[in-house]
Amino acid sequence: MDPVQTAIFAALIVAFLIFKRLGQISSAKARAMVQAGATLIDVRSPGEFASGHLPAAKNIPVGEIGAHLEMLGAKESPIIVYCASGTRSAMARAILKSKGFREVYNLGAMSRW
């Protein structure tokens, strides 16, 4: 790989890591928000969800989130998304923000709960 390709590759990795952390929320704040009524969305597959999920979480796979916006309530209501590693939840957050949802937070990996 030449120096230009290396620099581009490095920049893409940095951009991906920044994207993944956008809107990330701490586990303590996520728990408090869910207790106060925030909607908790697991964006993993139904099979992953069936193998274990966080209490009170709804399962809407990231690829289907645009088709199930009615399950999320008012666009002003807080939503917390999570997945296995934080990648799909970052994508789900971006989708929801683009659909006009104002308070969308990314817990990241379910293990951060």
N, C-alpha and C. Protein backbone atom coordinates (compact mmCIF):
# COMPACT_ATOMS: atom_id res chain seq x y z
N MET A 1 0.85 -1.17 0.00
CA MET A 1 0.00 0.00 0.00
C MET A 1 0.90 1.24 0.00
N ASP A 2 0.61 2.17 -0.89
CA ASP A 2 1.42 3.39 -0.92
C ASP A 2 0.98 4.35 0.18
N PRO A 3 1.76 5.40 0.44
CA PRO A 3 1.43 6.33 1.55
C PRO A 3 0.06 6.99 1.43
N VAL A 4 -0.38 7.30 0.22
CA VAL A 4 -1.69 7.92 0.04
C VAL A 4 -2.80 6.94 0.40
N GLN A 5 -2.67 5.70 -0.05
CA GLN A 5 -3.67 4.68 0.28
C GLN A 5 -3.69 4.42 1.79
N THR A 6 -2.53 4.41 2.40
CA THR A 6 -2.44 4.20 3.85
C THR A 6 -3.14 5.34 4.59
N ALA A 7 -2.91 6.56 4.15
CA ALA A 7 -3.55 7.72 4.79
C ALA A 7 -5.06 7.69 4.62
N ILE A 8 -5.52 7.32 3.44
CA ILE A 8 -6.97 7.23 3.20
C ILE A 8 -7.58 6.14 4.08
N PHE A 9 -6.92 5.00 4.14
CA PHE A 9 -7.41 3.89 4.97
C PHE A 9 -7.48 4.31 6.43
N ALA A 10 -6.44 4.98 6.92
CA ALA A 10 -6.42 5.44 8.31
C ALA A 10 -7.54 6.45 8.56
N ALA A 11 -7.76 7.35 7.61
CA ALA A 11 -8.82 8.35 7.77
C ALA A 11 -10.20 7.69 7.80
N LEU A 12 -10.39 6.66 7.00
CA LEU A 12 -11.67 5.94 7.01
C LEU A 12 -11.90 5.24 8.34
N ILE A 13 -10.87 4.67 8.90
CA ILE A 13 -11.00 4.00 10.20
C ILE A 13 -11.36 5.02 11.28
N VAL A 14 -10.68 6.15 11.28
CA VAL A 14 -10.97 7.20 12.27
C VAL A 14 -12.40 7.70 12.10
N ALA A 15 -12.82 7.94 10.87
CA ALA A 15 -14.19 8.40 10.61
C ALA A 15 -15.22 7.39 11.10
N PHE A 16 -14.96 6.11 10.86
CA PHE A 16 -15.87 5.06 11.32
C PHE A 16 -15.96 5.05 12.85
N LEU A 17 -14.83 5.16 13.52
CA LEU A 17 -14.84 5.14 14.99
C LEU A 17 -15.56 6.36 15.56
N ILE A 18 -15.41 7.51 14.92
CA ILE A 18 -16.13 8.70 15.37
C ILE A 18 -17.63 8.52 15.15
N PHE A 19 -18.02 8.02 13.96
CA PHE A 19 -19.44 7.77 13.66
C PHE A 19 -20.05 6.83 14.69
N LYS A 20 -19.31 5.79 15.05
CA LYS A 20 -19.81 4.78 15.98
C LYS A 20 -20.06 5.37 17.36
N ARG A 21 -19.33 6.40 17.73
CA ARG A 21 -19.46 6.99 19.06
C ARG A 21 -20.41 8.19 19.11
N LEU A 22 -20.90 8.65 17.97
CA LEU A 22 -21.82 9.78 17.97
C LEU A 22 -23.06 9.46 18.79
N GLY A 23 -23.44 10.35 19.65
CA GLY A 23 -24.65 10.17 20.44
C GLY A 23 -24.55 9.08 21.48
N GLN A 24 -23.33 8.61 21.76
CA GLN A 24 -23.20 7.52 22.73
C GLN A 24 -23.52 8.03 24.13
N ILE A 25 -24.14 7.16 24.89
CA ILE A 25 -24.61 7.50 26.23
C ILE A 25 -23.99 6.51 27.23
N SER A 26 -23.76 6.97 28.44
CA SER A 26 -23.21 6.07 29.47
C SER A 26 -24.28 5.09 29.92
N SER A 27 -23.84 3.98 30.46
CA SER A 27 -24.80 2.98 30.93
C SER A 27 -25.64 3.52 32.08
N ALA A 28 -25.03 4.30 32.96
CA ALA A 28 -25.79 4.86 34.10
C ALA A 28 -26.89 5.80 33.61
N LYS A 29 -26.55 6.64 32.64
CA LYS A 29 -27.55 7.57 32.12
C LYS A 29 -28.64 6.82 31.35
N ALA A 30 -28.24 5.80 30.60
CA ALA A 30 -29.22 5.00 29.86
C ALA A 30 -30.20 4.33 30.81
N ARG A 31 -29.70 3.74 31.87
CA ARG A 31 -30.57 3.09 32.86
C ARG A 31 -31.56 4.08 33.47
N ALA A 32 -31.04 5.25 33.83
CA ALA A 32 -31.90 6.27 34.44
C ALA A 32 -32.97 6.74 33.45
N MET A 33 -32.59 6.90 32.20
CA MET A 33 -33.55 7.35 31.19
C MET A 33 -34.62 6.29 30.94
N VAL A 34 -34.24 5.02 30.90
CA VAL A 34 -35.21 3.94 30.70
C VAL A 34 -36.16 3.89 31.90
N GLN A 35 -35.62 4.04 33.10
CA GLN A 35 -36.47 4.07 34.30
C GLN A 35 -37.46 5.22 34.23
N ALA A 36 -37.04 6.33 33.62
CA ALA A 36 -37.91 7.51 33.51
C ALA A 36 -38.85 7.44 32.31
N GLY A 37 -38.77 6.35 31.52
CA GLY A 37 -39.73 6.17 30.44
C GLY A 37 -39.17 6.17 29.03
N ALA A 38 -37.85 6.29 28.86
CA ALA A 38 -37.28 6.25 27.51
C ALA A 38 -37.53 4.88 26.87
N THR A 39 -37.67 4.86 25.57
CA THR A 39 -37.87 3.62 24.83
C THR A 39 -36.50 2.99 24.56
N LEU A 40 -36.38 1.70 24.86
CA LEU A 40 -35.13 0.97 24.66
C LEU A 40 -35.32 0.03 23.47
N ILE A 41 -34.48 0.20 22.44
CA ILE A 41 -34.61 -0.57 21.21
C ILE A 41 -33.35 -1.40 20.97
N ASP A 42 -33.56 -2.70 20.81
CA ASP A 42 -32.50 -3.64 20.45
C ASP A 42 -32.56 -3.78 18.93
N VAL A 43 -31.51 -3.36 18.23
CA VAL A 43 -31.54 -3.37 16.77
C VAL A 43 -30.86 -4.60 16.17
N ARG A 44 -30.63 -5.62 16.98
CA ARG A 44 -30.06 -6.87 16.49
C ARG A 44 -31.14 -7.70 15.81
N SER A 45 -30.74 -8.82 15.25
CA SER A 45 -31.69 -9.71 14.58
C SER A 45 -32.64 -10.35 15.59
N PRO A 46 -33.80 -10.85 15.13
CA PRO A 46 -34.72 -11.54 16.05
C PRO A 46 -34.06 -12.74 16.75
N GLY A 47 -33.19 -13.45 16.06
CA GLY A 47 -32.49 -14.58 16.67
C GLY A 47 -31.58 -14.14 17.80
N GLU A 48 -30.85 -13.05 17.58
CA GLU A 48 -29.98 -12.52 18.64
C GLU A 48 -30.82 -12.05 19.82
N PHE A 49 -31.93 -11.38 19.52
CA PHE A 49 -32.82 -10.88 20.56
C PHE A 49 -33.37 -12.05 21.39
N ALA A 50 -33.77 -13.13 20.70
CA ALA A 50 -34.33 -14.30 21.39
C ALA A 50 -33.31 -14.97 22.30
N SER A 51 -32.03 -14.84 21.97
CA SER A 51 -30.99 -15.48 22.79
C SER A 51 -30.67 -14.67 24.04
N GLY A 52 -31.25 -13.49 24.17
CA GLY A 52 -31.04 -12.66 25.35
C GLY A 52 -31.07 -11.20 24.99
N HIS A 53 -31.72 -10.39 25.82
CA HIS A 53 -31.83 -8.97 25.57
C HIS A 53 -32.01 -8.23 26.89
N LEU A 54 -31.93 -6.92 26.83
CA LEU A 54 -32.09 -6.11 28.03
C LEU A 54 -33.57 -6.05 28.43
N PRO A 55 -33.84 -5.97 29.72
CA PRO A 55 -35.23 -5.87 30.18
C PRO A 55 -35.93 -4.66 29.55
N ALA A 56 -37.16 -4.86 29.15
CA ALA A 56 -38.03 -3.82 28.57
C ALA A 56 -37.66 -3.41 27.15
N ALA A 57 -36.67 -4.06 26.55
CA ALA A 57 -36.27 -3.70 25.19
C ALA A 57 -37.26 -4.23 24.17
N LYS A 58 -37.47 -3.43 23.12
CA LYS A 58 -38.25 -3.85 21.96
C LYS A 58 -37.24 -4.23 20.88
N ASN A 59 -37.57 -5.21 20.08
CA ASN A 59 -36.67 -5.63 19.00
C ASN A 59 -37.14 -5.08 17.67
N ILE A 60 -36.33 -4.20 17.10
CA ILE A 60 -36.56 -3.71 15.74
C ILE A 60 -35.20 -3.78 15.05
N PRO A 61 -34.98 -4.80 14.22
CA PRO A 61 -33.69 -4.91 13.53
C PRO A 61 -33.36 -3.64 12.75
N VAL A 62 -32.10 -3.28 12.72
CA VAL A 62 -31.69 -2.03 12.09
C VAL A 62 -32.20 -1.91 10.65
N GLY A 63 -32.23 -2.98 9.91
CA GLY A 63 -32.70 -2.94 8.53
C GLY A 63 -34.18 -2.70 8.39
N GLU A 64 -34.93 -2.83 9.48
CA GLU A 64 -36.38 -2.66 9.46
C GLU A 64 -36.84 -1.42 10.21
N ILE A 65 -35.92 -0.67 10.77
CA ILE A 65 -36.31 0.42 11.67
C ILE A 65 -37.15 1.49 10.97
N GLY A 66 -36.86 1.77 9.71
CA GLY A 66 -37.63 2.77 8.99
C GLY A 66 -39.08 2.37 8.76
N ALA A 67 -39.34 1.08 8.77
CA ALA A 67 -40.70 0.58 8.55
C ALA A 67 -41.51 0.46 9.84
N HIS A 68 -40.88 0.71 10.98
CA HIS A 68 -41.57 0.53 12.27
C HIS A 68 -41.50 1.78 13.14
N LEU A 69 -41.51 2.93 12.53
CA LEU A 69 -41.39 4.18 13.29
C LEU A 69 -42.56 4.39 14.25
N GLU A 70 -43.73 3.84 13.89
CA GLU A 70 -44.91 4.02 14.75
C GLU A 70 -44.72 3.36 16.12
N MET A 71 -43.84 2.39 16.23
CA MET A 71 -43.58 1.71 17.50
C MET A 71 -42.76 2.58 18.46
N LEU A 72 -42.24 3.68 17.96
CA LEU A 72 -41.31 4.49 18.74
C LEU A 72 -41.95 5.68 19.45
N GLY A 73 -43.21 5.94 19.18
CA GLY A 73 -43.89 7.04 19.84
C GLY A 73 -43.54 8.38 19.23
N ALA A 74 -43.73 9.42 20.02
CA ALA A 74 -43.53 10.79 19.56
C ALA A 74 -42.06 11.05 19.24
N LYS A 75 -41.84 11.89 18.26
CA LYS A 75 -40.47 12.20 17.83
C LYS A 75 -39.69 12.98 18.88
N GLU A 76 -40.38 13.49 19.89
CA GLU A 76 -39.73 14.22 20.97
C GLU A 76 -39.33 13.30 22.13
N SER A 77 -39.84 12.07 22.12
CA SER A 77 -39.59 11.13 23.23
C SER A 77 -38.18 10.54 23.11
N PRO A 78 -37.51 10.33 24.24
CA PRO A 78 -36.16 9.77 24.20
C PRO A 78 -36.15 8.29 23.81
N ILE A 79 -35.18 7.94 22.98
CA ILE A 79 -34.98 6.58 22.51
C ILE A 79 -33.53 6.21 22.72
N ILE A 80 -33.31 5.00 23.21
CA ILE A 80 -31.95 4.48 23.38
C ILE A 80 -31.86 3.22 22.54
N VAL A 81 -30.85 3.14 21.68
CA VAL A 81 -30.64 1.98 20.82
C VAL A 81 -29.37 1.25 21.24
N TYR A 82 -29.38 -0.07 21.04
CA TYR A 82 -28.18 -0.87 21.31
C TYR A 82 -28.14 -2.07 20.39
N CYS A 83 -26.98 -2.69 20.31
CA CYS A 83 -26.79 -3.90 19.50
C CYS A 83 -25.70 -4.75 20.15
N ALA A 84 -24.97 -5.51 19.36
CA ALA A 84 -23.92 -6.38 19.89
C ALA A 84 -22.59 -5.65 20.07
N SER A 85 -22.28 -4.74 19.13
CA SER A 85 -20.97 -4.08 19.19
C SER A 85 -21.03 -2.56 19.16
N GLY A 86 -22.16 -2.01 18.76
CA GLY A 86 -22.30 -0.56 18.65
C GLY A 86 -22.38 -0.06 17.22
N THR A 87 -22.07 -0.91 16.27
CA THR A 87 -22.10 -0.49 14.86
C THR A 87 -23.53 -0.34 14.35
N ARG A 88 -24.34 -1.36 14.54
CA ARG A 88 -25.72 -1.29 14.07
C ARG A 88 -26.51 -0.23 14.83
N SER A 89 -26.23 -0.08 16.12
CA SER A 89 -26.96 0.95 16.88
C SER A 89 -26.56 2.35 16.42
N ALA A 90 -25.31 2.55 16.00
CA ALA A 90 -24.91 3.84 15.45
C ALA A 90 -25.66 4.11 14.15
N MET A 91 -25.82 3.08 13.32
CA MET A 91 -26.57 3.23 12.08
C MET A 91 -28.04 3.52 12.38
N ALA A 92 -28.61 2.82 13.36
CA ALA A 92 -30.01 3.04 13.72
C ALA A 92 -30.22 4.46 14.24
N ARG A 93 -29.30 4.95 15.03
CA ARG A 93 -29.39 6.31 15.54
C ARG A 93 -29.39 7.30 14.38
N ALA A 94 -28.51 7.11 13.42
CA ALA A 94 -28.45 8.00 12.26
C ALA A 94 -29.75 7.97 11.47
N ILE A 95 -30.32 6.79 11.30
CA ILE A 95 -31.59 6.66 10.57
C ILE A 95 -32.69 7.41 11.31
N LEU A 96 -32.79 7.18 12.61
CA LEU A 96 -33.86 7.82 13.39
C LEU A 96 -33.70 9.34 13.41
N LYS A 97 -32.47 9.81 13.54
CA LYS A 97 -32.23 11.25 13.51
C LYS A 97 -32.66 11.82 12.15
N SER A 98 -32.38 11.10 11.07
CA SER A 98 -32.76 11.57 9.74
C SER A 98 -34.27 11.57 9.54
N LYS A 99 -35.00 10.78 10.35
CA LYS A 99 -36.46 10.71 10.27
C LYS A 99 -37.12 11.72 11.20
N GLY A 100 -36.32 12.55 11.87
CA GLY A 100 -36.87 13.61 12.70
C GLY A 100 -36.95 13.32 14.18
N PHE A 101 -36.48 12.16 14.63
CA PHE A 101 -36.48 11.87 16.06
C PHE A 101 -35.37 12.71 16.70
N ARG A 102 -35.72 13.40 17.77
CA ARG A 102 -34.80 14.40 18.33
C ARG A 102 -33.87 13.85 19.41
N GLU A 103 -34.38 12.97 20.24
CA GLU A 103 -33.57 12.47 21.36
C GLU A 103 -33.28 10.99 21.16
N VAL A 104 -32.25 10.71 20.38
CA VAL A 104 -31.86 9.32 20.12
C VAL A 104 -30.43 9.14 20.62
N TYR A 105 -30.25 8.16 21.47
CA TYR A 105 -28.94 7.90 22.09
C TYR A 105 -28.48 6.49 21.77
N ASN A 106 -27.19 6.35 21.63
CA ASN A 106 -26.59 5.06 21.30
C ASN A 106 -25.90 4.51 22.55
N LEU A 107 -26.46 3.45 23.11
CA LEU A 107 -25.78 2.77 24.21
C LEU A 107 -24.55 2.04 23.68
N GLY A 108 -24.64 1.61 22.44
CA GLY A 108 -23.54 0.82 21.85
C GLY A 108 -23.80 -0.65 22.09
N ALA A 109 -22.79 -1.33 22.56
CA ALA A 109 -22.90 -2.76 22.82
C ALA A 109 -23.81 -3.05 24.01
N MET A 110 -24.60 -4.09 23.89
CA MET A 110 -25.49 -4.52 24.97
C MET A 110 -24.70 -4.74 26.26
N SER A 111 -23.48 -5.20 26.15
CA SER A 111 -22.65 -5.49 27.33
C SER A 111 -22.34 -4.24 28.14
N ARG A 112 -22.55 -3.05 27.59
CA ARG A 112 -22.31 -1.81 28.33
C ARG A 112 -23.40 -1.51 29.34
N TRP A 113 -24.51 -2.22 29.27
CA TRP A 113 -25.64 -1.98 30.17
C TRP A 113 -25.22 -2.19 31.61
